[in-house]
């Protein structure tokens, strides 16, 4: 997702919108990952990976 974040930053002023979806079951792992890799766009969570 970091590569997607850079594309988003480049084109957001032209109207690009991004929605990331995490399938990580462990909330702490997700929080740790996001702490190291903050995303500039909305990130939803699919706990059941459906």
PDB file of N, CA and C in Angstrom:
ATOM      1  N   UNK A   1       0.792  -1.208   0.000  1.00  0.00           N
ATOM      2  CA  UNK A   1       0.000   0.000   0.000  1.00  0.00           C
ATOM      3  C   UNK A   1       0.836   1.275   0.000  1.00  0.00           C
ATOM      4  N   UNK A   2       2.071   1.249   0.466  1.00  0.00           N
ATOM      5  CA  UNK A   2       2.852   2.485   0.392  1.00  0.00           C
ATOM      6  C   UNK A   2       2.994   3.025  -1.036  1.00  0.00           C
ATOM      7  N   UNK A   3       3.113   2.142  -2.017  1.00  0.00           N
ATOM      8  CA  UNK A   3       3.202   2.608  -3.409  1.00  0.00           C
ATOM      9  C   UNK A   3       1.893   3.270  -3.833  1.00  0.00           C
ATOM     10  N   UNK A   4       0.783   2.718  -3.391  1.00  0.00           N
ATOM     11  CA  UNK A   4      -0.521   3.306  -3.691  1.00  0.00           C
ATOM     12  C   UNK A   4      -0.664   4.674  -3.040  1.00  0.00           C
ATOM     13  N   UNK A   5      -0.096   4.829  -1.852  1.00  0.00           N
ATOM     14  CA  UNK A   5      -0.142   6.119  -1.166  1.00  0.00           C
ATOM     15  C   UNK A   5       0.586   7.188  -1.971  1.00  0.00           C
ATOM     16  N   UNK A   6       1.703   6.832  -2.581  1.00  0.00           N
ATOM     17  CA  UNK A   6       2.431   7.833  -3.360  1.00  0.00           C
ATOM     18  C   UNK A   6       1.664   8.203  -4.631  1.00  0.00           C
ATOM     19  N   UNK A   7       0.989   7.247  -5.252  1.00  0.00           N
ATOM     20  CA  UNK A   7       0.151   7.554  -6.417  1.00  0.00           C
ATOM     21  C   UNK A   7      -1.000   8.460  -5.999  1.00  0.00           C
ATOM     22  N   UNK A   8      -1.594   8.154  -4.862  1.00  0.00           N
ATOM     23  CA  UNK A   8      -2.676   8.982  -4.346  1.00  0.00           C
ATOM     24  C   UNK A   8      -2.210  10.419  -4.118  1.00  0.00           C
ATOM     25  N   UNK A   9      -1.073  10.569  -3.464  1.00  0.00           N
ATOM     26  CA  UNK A   9      -0.547  11.912  -3.195  1.00  0.00           C
ATOM     27  C   UNK A   9      -0.307  12.682  -4.495  1.00  0.00           C
ATOM     28  N   UNK A  10       0.145  11.984  -5.511  1.00  0.00           N
ATOM     29  CA  UNK A  10       0.448  12.631  -6.788  1.00  0.00           C
ATOM     30  C   UNK A  10      -0.821  13.098  -7.511  1.00  0.00           C
ATOM     31  N   UNK A  11      -1.899  12.328  -7.415  1.00  0.00           N
ATOM     32  CA  UNK A  11      -3.084  12.610  -8.227  1.00  0.00           C
ATOM     33  C   UNK A  11      -4.339  13.026  -7.452  1.00  0.00           C
ATOM     34  N   UNK A  12      -4.243  13.155  -6.142  1.00  0.00           N
ATOM     35  CA  UNK A  12      -5.439  13.504  -5.365  1.00  0.00           C
ATOM     36  C   UNK A  12      -6.026  14.864  -5.756  1.00  0.00           C
ATOM     37  N   UNK A  13      -5.188  15.811  -6.137  1.00  0.00           N
ATOM     38  CA  UNK A  13      -5.683  17.127  -6.538  1.00  0.00           C
ATOM     39  C   UNK A  13      -6.415  17.081  -7.878  1.00  0.00           C
ATOM     40  N   UNK A  14      -6.252  15.974  -8.595  1.00  0.00           N
ATOM     41  CA  UNK A  14      -6.961  15.798  -9.874  1.00  0.00           C
ATOM     42  C   UNK A  14      -8.219  14.955  -9.692  1.00  0.00           C
ATOM     43  N   UNK A  15      -8.540  14.639  -8.431  1.00  0.00           N
ATOM     44  CA  UNK A  15      -9.778  13.936  -8.134  1.00  0.00           C
ATOM     45  C   UNK A  15      -9.655  12.458  -7.800  1.00  0.00           C
ATOM     46  N   UNK A  16      -8.429  11.931  -7.775  1.00  0.00           N
ATOM     47  CA  UNK A  16      -8.270  10.518  -7.449  1.00  0.00           C
ATOM     48  C   UNK A  16      -8.693  10.269  -6.004  1.00  0.00           C
ATOM     49  N   UNK A  17      -9.503   9.243  -5.810  1.00  0.00           N
ATOM     50  CA  UNK A  17      -9.890   8.826  -4.474  1.00  0.00           C
ATOM     51  C   UNK A  17      -9.519   7.358  -4.318  1.00  0.00           C
ATOM     52  N   UNK A  18      -9.061   6.995  -3.138  1.00  0.00           N
ATOM     53  CA  UNK A  18      -8.624   5.631  -2.871  1.00  0.00           C
ATOM     54  C   UNK A  18      -9.274   5.156  -1.582  1.00  0.00           C
ATOM     55  N   UNK A  19      -9.701   3.919  -1.590  1.00  0.00           N
ATOM     56  CA  UNK A  19     -10.208   3.269  -0.387  1.00  0.00           C
ATOM     57  C   UNK A  19      -9.435   1.974  -0.224  1.00  0.00           C
ATOM     58  N   UNK A  20      -8.661   1.877   0.832  1.00  0.00           N
ATOM     59  CA  UNK A  20      -7.933   0.649   1.119  1.00  0.00           C
ATOM     60  C   UNK A  20      -8.791  -0.249   1.996  1.00  0.00           C
ATOM     61  N   UNK A  21      -8.625  -1.548   1.854  1.00  0.00           N
ATOM     62  CA  UNK A  21      -9.351  -2.509   2.684  1.00  0.00           C
ATOM     63  C   UNK A  21      -8.343  -3.480   3.283  1.00  0.00           C
ATOM     64  N   UNK A  22      -8.289  -3.513   4.597  1.00  0.00           N
ATOM     65  CA  UNK A  22      -7.392  -4.425   5.294  1.00  0.00           C
ATOM     66  C   UNK A  22      -8.156  -5.692   5.672  1.00  0.00           C
ATOM     67  N   UNK A  23      -7.524  -6.842   5.469  1.00  0.00           N
ATOM     68  CA  UNK A  23      -8.105  -8.111   5.894  1.00  0.00           C
ATOM     69  C   UNK A  23      -7.352  -8.685   7.097  1.00  0.00           C
ATOM     70  N   UNK A  24      -6.484  -7.878   7.691  1.00  0.00           N
ATOM     71  CA  UNK A  24      -5.733  -8.301   8.876  1.00  0.00           C
ATOM     72  C   UNK A  24      -6.699  -8.568  10.023  1.00  0.00           C
ATOM     73  N   UNK A  25      -6.621  -9.765  10.594  1.00  0.00           N
ATOM     74  CA  UNK A  25      -7.502 -10.146  11.705  1.00  0.00           C
ATOM     75  C   UNK A  25      -7.058  -9.510  13.032  1.00  0.00           C
ATOM     76  N   UNK A  26      -5.760  -9.355  13.210  1.00  0.00           N
ATOM     77  CA  UNK A  26      -5.217  -8.861  14.478  1.00  0.00           C
ATOM     78  C   UNK A  26      -5.177  -7.338  14.470  1.00  0.00           C
ATOM     79  N   UNK A  27      -6.033  -6.732  15.287  1.00  0.00           N
ATOM     80  CA  UNK A  27      -6.131  -5.271  15.319  1.00  0.00           C
ATOM     81  C   UNK A  27      -4.814  -4.616  15.744  1.00  0.00           C
ATOM     82  N   UNK A  28      -4.094  -5.241  16.659  1.00  0.00           N
ATOM     83  CA  UNK A  28      -2.815  -4.673  17.107  1.00  0.00           C
ATOM     84  C   UNK A  28      -1.772  -4.697  15.989  1.00  0.00           C
ATOM     85  N   UNK A  29      -1.751  -5.775  15.202  1.00  0.00           N
ATOM     86  CA  UNK A  29      -0.816  -5.840  14.073  1.00  0.00           C
ATOM     87  C   UNK A  29      -1.123  -4.747  13.066  1.00  0.00           C
ATOM     88  N   UNK A  30      -2.409  -4.554  12.804  1.00  0.00           N
ATOM     89  CA  UNK A  30      -2.816  -3.518  11.857  1.00  0.00           C
ATOM     90  C   UNK A  30      -2.412  -2.143  12.379  1.00  0.00           C
ATOM     91  N   UNK A  31      -2.672  -1.883  13.650  1.00  0.00           N
ATOM     92  CA  UNK A  31      -2.318  -0.590  14.241  1.00  0.00           C
ATOM     93  C   UNK A  31      -0.803  -0.361  14.190  1.00  0.00           C
ATOM     94  N   UNK A  32      -0.030  -1.398  14.461  1.00  0.00           N
ATOM     95  CA  UNK A  32       1.434  -1.292  14.404  1.00  0.00           C
ATOM     96  C   UNK A  32       1.888  -0.992  12.984  1.00  0.00           C
ATOM     97  N   UNK A  33       1.319  -1.706  12.015  1.00  0.00           N
ATOM     98  CA  UNK A  33       1.691  -1.493  10.615  1.00  0.00           C
ATOM     99  C   UNK A  33       1.339  -0.084  10.175  1.00  0.00           C
ATOM    100  N   UNK A  34       0.127   0.371  10.533  1.00  0.00           N
ATOM    101  CA  UNK A  34      -0.287   1.722  10.150  1.00  0.00           C
ATOM    102  C   UNK A  34       0.554   2.790  10.845  1.00  0.00           C
ATOM    103  N   UNK A  35       1.032   2.500  12.047  1.00  0.00           N
ATOM    104  CA  UNK A  35       1.922   3.438  12.730  1.00  0.00           C
ATOM    105  C   UNK A  35       3.223   3.637  11.964  1.00  0.00           C
ATOM    106  N   UNK A  36       3.693   2.558  11.334  1.00  0.00           N
ATOM    107  CA  UNK A  36       4.936   2.629  10.558  1.00  0.00           C
ATOM    108  C   UNK A  36       4.703   3.085   9.122  1.00  0.00           C
ATOM    109  N   UNK A  37       3.472   2.891   8.623  1.00  0.00           N
ATOM    110  CA  UNK A  37       3.132   3.221   7.235  1.00  0.00           C
ATOM    111  C   UNK A  37       1.807   3.983   7.186  1.00  0.00           C
ATOM    112  N   UNK A  38       1.768   5.209   7.659  1.00  0.00           N
ATOM    113  CA  UNK A  38       0.496   5.945   7.664  1.00  0.00           C
ATOM    114  C   UNK A  38      -0.051   6.106   6.240  1.00  0.00           C
ATOM    115  N   UNK A  39      -1.325   5.865   6.091  1.00  0.00           N
ATOM    116  CA  UNK A  39      -1.963   5.982   4.782  1.00  0.00           C
ATOM    117  C   UNK A  39      -2.713   7.317   4.712  1.00  0.00           C
ATOM    118  N   UNK A  40      -2.560   8.046   3.610  1.00  0.00           N
ATOM    119  CA  UNK A  40      -3.209   9.348   3.478  1.00  0.00           C
ATOM    120  C   UNK A  40      -4.653   9.239   2.970  1.00  0.00           C
ATOM    121  N   UNK A  41      -5.149   8.012   2.843  1.00  0.00           N
ATOM    122  CA  UNK A  41      -6.506   7.805   2.349  1.00  0.00           C
ATOM    123  C   UNK A  41      -7.269   6.915   3.324  1.00  0.00           C
ATOM    124  N   UNK A  42      -8.564   6.796   3.106  1.00  0.00           N
ATOM    125  CA  UNK A  42      -9.426   6.021   3.978  1.00  0.00           C
ATOM    126  C   UNK A  42      -9.071   4.543   3.918  1.00  0.00           C
ATOM    127  N   UNK A  43      -9.021   3.910   5.085  1.00  0.00           N
ATOM    128  CA  UNK A  43      -8.728   2.492   5.171  1.00  0.00           C
ATOM    129  C   UNK A  43      -9.850   1.818   5.961  1.00  0.00           C
ATOM    130  N   UNK A  44     -10.540   0.896   5.315  1.00  0.00           N
ATOM    131  CA  UNK A  44     -11.601   0.116   5.972  1.00  0.00           C
ATOM    132  C   UNK A  44     -11.024  -1.229   6.385  1.00  0.00           C
ATOM    133  N   UNK A  45     -11.771  -1.919   7.222  1.00  0.00           N
ATOM    134  CA  UNK A  45     -11.306  -3.205   7.714  1.00  0.00           C
ATOM    135  C   UNK A  45     -12.379  -4.269   7.480  1.00  0.00           C
ATOM    136  N   UNK A  46     -11.995  -5.371   6.859  1.00  0.00           N
ATOM    137  CA  UNK A  46     -12.887  -6.499   6.647  1.00  0.00           C
ATOM    138  C   UNK A  46     -12.401  -7.626   7.549  1.00  0.00           C
ATOM    139  N   UNK A  47     -12.955  -7.690   8.726  1.00  0.00           N
ATOM    140  CA  UNK A  47     -12.468  -8.648   9.723  1.00  0.00           C
ATOM    141  C   UNK A  47     -12.648 -10.102   9.308  1.00  0.00           C
ATOM    142  N   UNK A  48     -13.648 -10.386   8.502  1.00  0.00           N
ATOM    143  CA  UNK A  48     -13.880 -11.760   8.085  1.00  0.00           C
ATOM    144  C   UNK A  48     -13.232 -12.086   6.749  1.00  0.00           C
ATOM    145  N   UNK A  49     -12.531 -11.138   6.176  1.00  0.00           N
ATOM    146  CA  UNK A  49     -11.879 -11.307   4.864  1.00  0.00           C
ATOM    147  C   UNK A  49     -12.856 -11.870   3.848  1.00  0.00           C
ATOM    148  N   UNK A  50     -14.018 -11.236   3.816  1.00  0.00           N
ATOM    149  CA  UNK A  50     -15.059 -11.709   2.883  1.00  0.00           C
ATOM    150  C   UNK A  50     -14.943 -10.941   1.642  1.00  0.00           C
TER     151      UNK A  50
END
